N, C-alpha and C. Protein backbone atom coordinates (compact mmCIF):
# COMPACT_ATOMS: atom_id res chain seq x y z
N MET A 1 0.84 -1.13 -0.03
CA MET A 1 0.02 -0.01 -0.07
C MET A 1 0.85 1.21 0.00
N ARG A 2 0.52 2.14 -0.89
CA ARG A 2 1.29 3.37 -1.01
C ARG A 2 0.43 4.59 -0.47
N ALA A 3 1.12 5.41 0.36
CA ALA A 3 0.32 6.55 0.89
C ALA A 3 -0.10 7.51 -0.20
N LEU A 4 -1.27 8.11 0.02
CA LEU A 4 -1.73 9.10 -0.97
C LEU A 4 -1.97 10.40 -0.23
N ASP A 5 -1.83 11.39 -0.98
CA ASP A 5 -2.08 12.87 -0.41
C ASP A 5 -3.48 13.22 -0.90
N PRO A 6 -4.36 13.69 0.09
CA PRO A 6 -5.63 14.07 -0.27
C PRO A 6 -5.75 15.14 -1.30
N PHE A 7 -4.73 16.00 -1.39
CA PHE A 7 -4.66 17.03 -2.37
C PHE A 7 -4.42 16.61 -3.79
N ASP A 8 -4.02 15.35 -3.94
CA ASP A 8 -3.81 14.69 -5.22
C ASP A 8 -5.06 14.07 -5.86
N LEU A 9 -6.19 14.03 -4.96
CA LEU A 9 -7.43 13.51 -5.52
C LEU A 9 -8.23 14.51 -6.28
N PRO A 10 -9.21 14.00 -7.01
CA PRO A 10 -9.91 14.94 -7.91
C PRO A 10 -10.58 16.05 -7.17
N ASP A 11 -10.52 17.26 -7.72
CA ASP A 11 -11.10 18.41 -7.11
C ASP A 11 -12.56 18.35 -6.67
N TRP A 12 -13.33 17.63 -7.54
CA TRP A 12 -14.83 17.49 -7.19
C TRP A 12 -15.14 16.89 -5.90
N LEU A 13 -14.21 16.20 -5.34
CA LEU A 13 -14.38 15.65 -4.02
C LEU A 13 -14.57 16.69 -2.87
N GLY A 14 -14.00 17.75 -3.17
CA GLY A 14 -14.08 18.87 -2.21
C GLY A 14 -15.21 19.87 -2.36
N VAL A 15 -15.92 19.77 -3.54
CA VAL A 15 -16.94 20.80 -3.81
C VAL A 15 -18.28 20.26 -4.19
N ALA A 16 -18.40 18.97 -4.72
CA ALA A 16 -19.65 18.40 -5.12
C ALA A 16 -20.32 17.69 -3.95
N GLU A 17 -21.61 17.36 -4.32
CA GLU A 17 -22.37 16.51 -3.46
C GLU A 17 -21.88 15.01 -3.86
N VAL A 18 -21.17 14.42 -2.86
CA VAL A 18 -20.48 13.17 -3.11
C VAL A 18 -21.28 12.11 -2.39
N THR A 19 -21.29 10.84 -3.26
CA THR A 19 -21.88 9.65 -2.53
C THR A 19 -20.81 8.58 -2.58
N TRP A 20 -20.63 7.93 -1.47
CA TRP A 20 -19.81 6.74 -1.41
C TRP A 20 -20.87 5.54 -1.41
N THR A 21 -20.65 4.67 -2.33
CA THR A 21 -21.52 3.47 -2.48
C THR A 21 -20.73 2.24 -2.22
N ALA A 22 -21.18 1.28 -1.28
CA ALA A 22 -20.54 0.06 -1.15
C ALA A 22 -20.92 -0.85 -2.29
N ASP A 23 -19.94 -1.56 -2.76
CA ASP A 23 -20.10 -2.55 -3.89
C ASP A 23 -20.53 -3.94 -3.33
N ALA A 24 -20.26 -4.10 -1.99
CA ALA A 24 -20.55 -5.38 -1.31
C ALA A 24 -20.99 -5.05 0.05
N GLY A 25 -21.44 -6.09 0.77
CA GLY A 25 -21.88 -5.88 2.14
C GLY A 25 -20.78 -5.55 3.11
N LEU A 26 -21.13 -4.98 4.23
CA LEU A 26 -20.17 -4.51 5.22
C LEU A 26 -19.52 -5.79 5.89
N TYR A 27 -20.26 -6.85 5.89
CA TYR A 27 -19.77 -7.98 6.61
C TYR A 27 -19.11 -9.01 5.82
N THR A 28 -18.42 -8.59 4.68
CA THR A 28 -17.73 -9.49 3.80
C THR A 28 -16.28 -9.69 4.22
N GLY A 29 -15.79 -8.92 5.13
CA GLY A 29 -14.37 -9.00 5.59
C GLY A 29 -13.75 -7.76 5.82
N PRO A 30 -12.47 -7.67 5.91
CA PRO A 30 -11.73 -6.48 6.34
C PRO A 30 -11.63 -5.44 5.26
N VAL A 31 -12.05 -5.80 4.01
CA VAL A 31 -12.03 -4.87 2.87
C VAL A 31 -13.39 -4.70 2.32
N VAL A 32 -13.93 -3.45 2.24
CA VAL A 32 -15.22 -3.26 1.67
C VAL A 32 -14.90 -2.43 0.47
N ALA A 33 -15.26 -2.97 -0.66
CA ALA A 33 -15.07 -2.25 -1.97
C ALA A 33 -16.30 -1.23 -2.14
N GLY A 34 -15.91 -0.12 -2.77
CA GLY A 34 -16.99 0.92 -3.06
C GLY A 34 -16.40 1.84 -4.00
N HIS A 35 -17.22 2.90 -4.27
CA HIS A 35 -16.82 3.98 -5.12
C HIS A 35 -17.50 5.32 -4.76
N LEU A 36 -16.72 6.37 -5.16
CA LEU A 36 -17.30 7.73 -4.95
C LEU A 36 -17.78 8.28 -6.22
N SER A 37 -18.90 8.93 -6.12
CA SER A 37 -19.53 9.46 -7.32
C SER A 37 -20.12 10.90 -7.02
N ALA A 38 -20.40 11.60 -8.07
CA ALA A 38 -21.07 12.88 -7.99
C ALA A 38 -21.60 13.18 -9.40
N ASP A 39 -22.68 13.97 -9.48
CA ASP A 39 -23.20 14.31 -10.81
C ASP A 39 -22.14 15.03 -11.61
N GLY A 40 -22.01 14.60 -12.87
CA GLY A 40 -21.15 15.17 -13.80
C GLY A 40 -19.61 14.74 -13.65
N ALA A 41 -19.35 13.87 -12.75
CA ALA A 41 -17.99 13.47 -12.46
C ALA A 41 -17.85 11.93 -12.75
N GLU A 42 -16.67 11.52 -13.27
CA GLU A 42 -16.43 10.12 -13.43
C GLU A 42 -16.26 9.54 -12.07
N PRO A 43 -16.98 8.42 -11.80
CA PRO A 43 -16.84 7.84 -10.39
C PRO A 43 -15.44 7.21 -10.29
N ILE A 44 -14.92 7.23 -8.99
CA ILE A 44 -13.62 6.63 -8.70
C ILE A 44 -13.77 5.56 -7.64
N ALA A 45 -12.96 4.52 -7.79
CA ALA A 45 -13.03 3.48 -6.79
C ALA A 45 -12.48 3.99 -5.49
N CYS A 46 -13.13 3.55 -4.43
CA CYS A 46 -12.66 3.96 -3.04
C CYS A 46 -13.09 2.84 -2.11
N ASP A 47 -12.19 2.16 -1.66
CA ASP A 47 -12.43 1.08 -0.71
C ASP A 47 -12.08 1.46 0.72
N LEU A 48 -12.58 0.71 1.71
CA LEU A 48 -12.22 0.73 3.08
C LEU A 48 -11.45 -0.50 3.43
N VAL A 49 -10.40 -0.39 4.20
CA VAL A 49 -9.64 -1.57 4.69
C VAL A 49 -9.51 -1.39 6.29
N ALA A 50 -9.87 -2.45 6.98
CA ALA A 50 -9.69 -2.58 8.36
C ALA A 50 -8.22 -3.07 8.63
N VAL A 51 -7.26 -2.23 8.96
CA VAL A 51 -5.85 -2.50 9.04
C VAL A 51 -5.34 -3.46 10.00
N ASP A 52 -6.25 -3.73 10.98
CA ASP A 52 -5.78 -4.61 12.02
C ASP A 52 -6.17 -6.06 11.91
N GLU A 53 -6.81 -6.39 10.83
CA GLU A 53 -7.16 -7.80 10.55
C GLU A 53 -5.82 -8.51 10.24
N ALA A 54 -5.64 -9.63 10.88
CA ALA A 54 -4.33 -10.32 10.70
C ALA A 54 -4.46 -11.86 10.50
N TYR A 55 -5.71 -12.38 10.42
CA TYR A 55 -5.89 -13.82 10.10
C TYR A 55 -6.70 -14.03 8.82
N PRO A 56 -6.26 -14.92 7.92
CA PRO A 56 -5.12 -15.65 8.03
C PRO A 56 -3.82 -15.11 7.76
N ALA A 57 -3.85 -13.87 7.23
CA ALA A 57 -2.65 -13.10 6.98
C ALA A 57 -2.96 -11.65 7.26
N PRO A 58 -1.98 -10.82 7.62
CA PRO A 58 -2.21 -9.45 7.84
C PRO A 58 -2.62 -8.74 6.49
N VAL A 59 -3.56 -7.79 6.60
CA VAL A 59 -3.99 -7.13 5.37
C VAL A 59 -3.21 -5.90 5.19
N ALA A 60 -2.46 -5.48 6.21
CA ALA A 60 -1.67 -4.28 6.03
C ALA A 60 -0.30 -4.41 6.68
N ALA A 61 0.69 -3.80 6.13
CA ALA A 61 2.09 -3.79 6.71
C ALA A 61 2.06 -2.93 7.95
N ASP A 62 3.08 -3.25 8.81
CA ASP A 62 3.07 -2.46 10.11
C ASP A 62 3.08 -0.96 9.96
N ASP A 63 3.84 -0.54 8.92
CA ASP A 63 3.98 0.99 8.82
C ASP A 63 2.63 1.53 8.45
N THR A 64 1.83 0.89 7.55
CA THR A 64 0.51 1.29 7.16
C THR A 64 -0.45 1.33 8.41
N ARG A 65 -0.34 0.29 9.21
CA ARG A 65 -1.21 0.21 10.39
C ARG A 65 -0.89 1.34 11.31
N LEU A 66 0.39 1.60 11.47
CA LEU A 66 0.88 2.68 12.46
C LEU A 66 0.31 4.02 11.96
N ARG A 67 0.49 4.26 10.70
CA ARG A 67 0.04 5.62 10.15
C ARG A 67 -1.46 5.66 10.21
N ALA A 68 -2.20 4.62 10.00
CA ALA A 68 -3.70 4.64 10.11
C ALA A 68 -4.07 5.06 11.51
N HIS A 69 -3.47 4.33 12.47
CA HIS A 69 -3.75 4.66 13.82
C HIS A 69 -3.44 6.04 14.32
N GLN A 70 -2.23 6.53 13.85
CA GLN A 70 -1.77 7.88 14.17
C GLN A 70 -2.79 8.88 13.54
N ALA A 71 -3.14 8.70 12.40
CA ALA A 71 -4.09 9.64 11.73
C ALA A 71 -5.46 9.69 12.51
N TRP A 72 -5.94 8.49 12.73
CA TRP A 72 -7.31 8.29 13.37
C TRP A 72 -7.26 9.04 14.79
N ARG A 73 -6.17 8.81 15.51
CA ARG A 73 -6.03 9.34 16.83
C ARG A 73 -6.14 10.92 16.77
N HIS A 74 -5.67 11.48 15.71
CA HIS A 74 -5.73 12.94 15.50
C HIS A 74 -6.91 13.40 14.72
N GLY A 75 -7.93 12.59 14.63
CA GLY A 75 -9.17 13.05 13.92
C GLY A 75 -9.07 13.06 12.43
N GLU A 76 -7.96 12.36 11.93
CA GLU A 76 -7.77 12.41 10.37
C GLU A 76 -7.88 11.04 9.86
N VAL A 77 -7.54 10.89 8.60
CA VAL A 77 -7.61 9.57 7.97
C VAL A 77 -6.39 9.34 7.22
N HIS A 78 -6.01 8.09 7.08
CA HIS A 78 -4.83 7.79 6.28
C HIS A 78 -5.27 7.17 4.90
N LEU A 79 -4.93 7.74 3.86
CA LEU A 79 -5.31 7.26 2.50
C LEU A 79 -4.20 6.58 1.86
N VAL A 80 -4.52 5.47 1.23
CA VAL A 80 -3.51 4.63 0.56
C VAL A 80 -4.02 4.24 -0.85
N GLU A 81 -3.12 3.82 -1.65
CA GLU A 81 -3.46 3.13 -2.89
C GLU A 81 -3.33 1.65 -2.65
N ARG A 82 -4.32 0.83 -2.90
CA ARG A 82 -4.25 -0.49 -2.78
C ARG A 82 -4.77 -1.20 -3.94
N ALA A 83 -3.99 -2.01 -4.67
CA ALA A 83 -4.36 -2.60 -5.91
C ALA A 83 -4.85 -1.57 -6.96
N GLY A 84 -4.24 -0.45 -6.96
CA GLY A 84 -4.60 0.56 -7.92
C GLY A 84 -5.90 1.29 -7.53
N ARG A 85 -6.47 1.19 -6.31
CA ARG A 85 -7.61 1.85 -5.89
C ARG A 85 -7.40 2.70 -4.68
N LEU A 86 -8.05 3.86 -4.65
CA LEU A 86 -8.06 4.74 -3.49
C LEU A 86 -8.56 3.91 -2.27
N THR A 87 -7.87 3.89 -1.18
CA THR A 87 -8.44 3.18 -0.07
C THR A 87 -8.27 3.97 1.14
N ILE A 88 -9.25 3.93 2.06
CA ILE A 88 -9.23 4.50 3.35
C ILE A 88 -8.84 3.47 4.34
N ALA A 89 -7.66 3.80 4.99
CA ALA A 89 -7.16 2.80 5.96
C ALA A 89 -7.71 3.08 7.36
N VAL A 90 -8.44 2.16 7.88
CA VAL A 90 -9.14 2.44 9.12
C VAL A 90 -8.74 1.50 10.26
N PRO A 91 -8.45 1.86 11.46
CA PRO A 91 -8.10 1.01 12.52
C PRO A 91 -9.26 0.00 12.80
N GLY A 92 -9.00 -1.21 13.08
CA GLY A 92 -9.97 -2.19 13.37
C GLY A 92 -9.83 -3.46 12.56
N THR A 93 -10.78 -4.32 12.82
CA THR A 93 -10.73 -5.56 12.03
C THR A 93 -12.02 -5.81 11.11
N GLY A 94 -12.94 -4.86 11.20
CA GLY A 94 -14.14 -5.00 10.38
C GLY A 94 -14.84 -3.69 10.48
N PHE A 95 -16.07 -3.60 9.86
CA PHE A 95 -16.87 -2.41 9.72
C PHE A 95 -18.27 -2.52 10.18
N ASP A 96 -18.75 -1.44 10.79
CA ASP A 96 -20.14 -1.34 11.05
C ASP A 96 -20.57 -0.02 10.41
N ALA A 97 -21.86 0.36 10.47
CA ALA A 97 -22.31 1.55 9.85
C ALA A 97 -21.66 2.90 10.44
N ASP A 98 -21.55 2.82 11.80
CA ASP A 98 -20.92 4.07 12.47
C ASP A 98 -19.51 4.22 12.00
N LEU A 99 -18.73 3.17 11.88
CA LEU A 99 -17.29 3.28 11.43
C LEU A 99 -17.22 3.75 9.99
N VAL A 100 -18.08 3.30 9.19
CA VAL A 100 -18.02 3.73 7.77
C VAL A 100 -18.38 5.19 7.72
N LEU A 101 -19.38 5.67 8.45
CA LEU A 101 -19.75 7.05 8.51
C LEU A 101 -18.54 7.97 8.99
N ASP A 102 -17.92 7.43 10.02
CA ASP A 102 -16.84 8.19 10.59
C ASP A 102 -15.64 8.28 9.57
N ALA A 103 -15.41 7.16 8.85
CA ALA A 103 -14.27 7.22 7.85
C ALA A 103 -14.60 8.16 6.75
N LEU A 104 -15.81 8.22 6.20
CA LEU A 104 -16.20 9.12 5.16
C LEU A 104 -16.22 10.51 5.58
N ASP A 105 -16.68 10.74 6.84
CA ASP A 105 -16.60 12.09 7.42
C ASP A 105 -15.17 12.62 7.45
N ARG A 106 -14.13 11.80 7.77
CA ARG A 106 -12.77 12.15 7.83
C ARG A 106 -12.19 12.39 6.40
N LEU A 107 -12.75 11.54 5.47
CA LEU A 107 -12.31 11.78 4.11
C LEU A 107 -12.78 13.11 3.61
N ALA A 108 -14.01 13.44 3.90
CA ALA A 108 -14.53 14.81 3.46
C ALA A 108 -13.70 15.93 3.95
N ARG A 109 -13.36 15.84 5.28
CA ARG A 109 -12.58 16.93 5.89
C ARG A 109 -11.22 16.93 5.25
N ALA A 110 -10.59 15.76 4.92
CA ALA A 110 -9.27 15.67 4.33
C ALA A 110 -9.17 16.38 3.02
N VAL A 111 -10.37 16.43 2.24
CA VAL A 111 -10.30 17.02 0.91
C VAL A 111 -10.91 18.43 0.98
N GLY A 112 -11.18 18.95 2.22
CA GLY A 112 -11.63 20.32 2.41
C GLY A 112 -13.12 20.49 2.19
N ALA A 113 -13.88 19.36 2.22
CA ALA A 113 -15.32 19.47 2.10
C ALA A 113 -16.09 19.39 3.37
N SER A 114 -17.30 19.82 3.40
CA SER A 114 -18.16 19.68 4.64
C SER A 114 -18.69 18.25 4.57
N ALA A 115 -18.79 17.62 5.65
CA ALA A 115 -19.33 16.19 5.69
C ALA A 115 -20.85 16.33 5.25
N GLU A 116 -21.45 17.43 5.40
CA GLU A 116 -22.86 17.49 4.94
C GLU A 116 -23.03 17.37 3.36
N ARG A 117 -21.91 17.39 2.70
CA ARG A 117 -21.98 17.27 1.27
C ARG A 117 -21.81 15.72 0.84
N TYR A 118 -21.52 14.88 1.88
CA TYR A 118 -21.21 13.52 1.61
C TYR A 118 -22.36 12.67 2.07
N ALA A 119 -22.67 11.62 1.23
CA ALA A 119 -23.78 10.64 1.66
C ALA A 119 -23.10 9.30 1.50
N VAL A 120 -23.72 8.31 2.24
CA VAL A 120 -23.15 6.92 2.17
C VAL A 120 -24.33 6.02 1.88
N HIS A 121 -24.06 5.10 0.89
CA HIS A 121 -25.01 4.03 0.49
C HIS A 121 -24.45 2.72 0.88
N LEU A 122 -24.96 2.05 1.99
CA LEU A 122 -24.42 0.83 2.42
C LEU A 122 -25.18 -0.39 1.97
N ARG A 123 -24.44 -1.50 1.88
CA ARG A 123 -25.01 -2.78 1.72
C ARG A 123 -24.74 -3.65 2.98
N LEU A 124 -25.75 -4.40 3.34
CA LEU A 124 -25.51 -5.04 4.73
C LEU A 124 -25.20 -6.54 4.55
N GLY A 125 -25.19 -7.13 3.42
CA GLY A 125 -25.02 -8.54 3.27
C GLY A 125 -23.56 -9.02 3.65
N ASP A 126 -23.48 -10.35 3.78
CA ASP A 126 -22.17 -10.97 4.09
C ASP A 126 -21.65 -11.78 2.91
N GLY A 127 -22.40 -11.74 1.85
CA GLY A 127 -21.97 -12.56 0.60
C GLY A 127 -22.45 -13.93 0.63
N ARG A 128 -23.18 -14.34 1.59
CA ARG A 128 -23.70 -15.75 1.67
C ARG A 128 -25.09 -15.79 1.24
N GLY A 129 -25.74 -14.73 0.86
CA GLY A 129 -27.13 -14.83 0.45
C GLY A 129 -28.13 -14.77 1.59
N PRO A 130 -29.38 -14.95 1.22
CA PRO A 130 -30.49 -14.89 2.23
C PRO A 130 -30.39 -15.94 3.28
N GLY A 131 -30.74 -15.57 4.53
CA GLY A 131 -30.80 -16.65 5.54
C GLY A 131 -29.49 -16.89 6.21
N ARG A 132 -28.57 -16.06 6.19
CA ARG A 132 -27.22 -16.26 6.71
C ARG A 132 -27.30 -16.78 8.07
């Protein structure tokens, strides 16, 4: 994972009405794929990764975990490129709705936007279908 500077992201993230949409359910594991979109802008991939998940293998290197925790402690967010996709590195081993909202609020602030301009569209499944 390579660190990203929020100022290198598209300008529309700081001025448009932005929606982050999950491509899969929150309970599918430590990585939740998604994308950011706004009217008139080309959507960009934006995933969430829970950096503390370590079984069966660590999802993040120690330096990425450290930077994610440091940023979070100071009310900020650590952005990385993972598999060619913008990724929000979040402390923890998984996600719930509150943590997703907090991560996107921090992203909004990182790009100079008001969190009121950001919306989140969640999916709740775990990938196993109905009756899990």
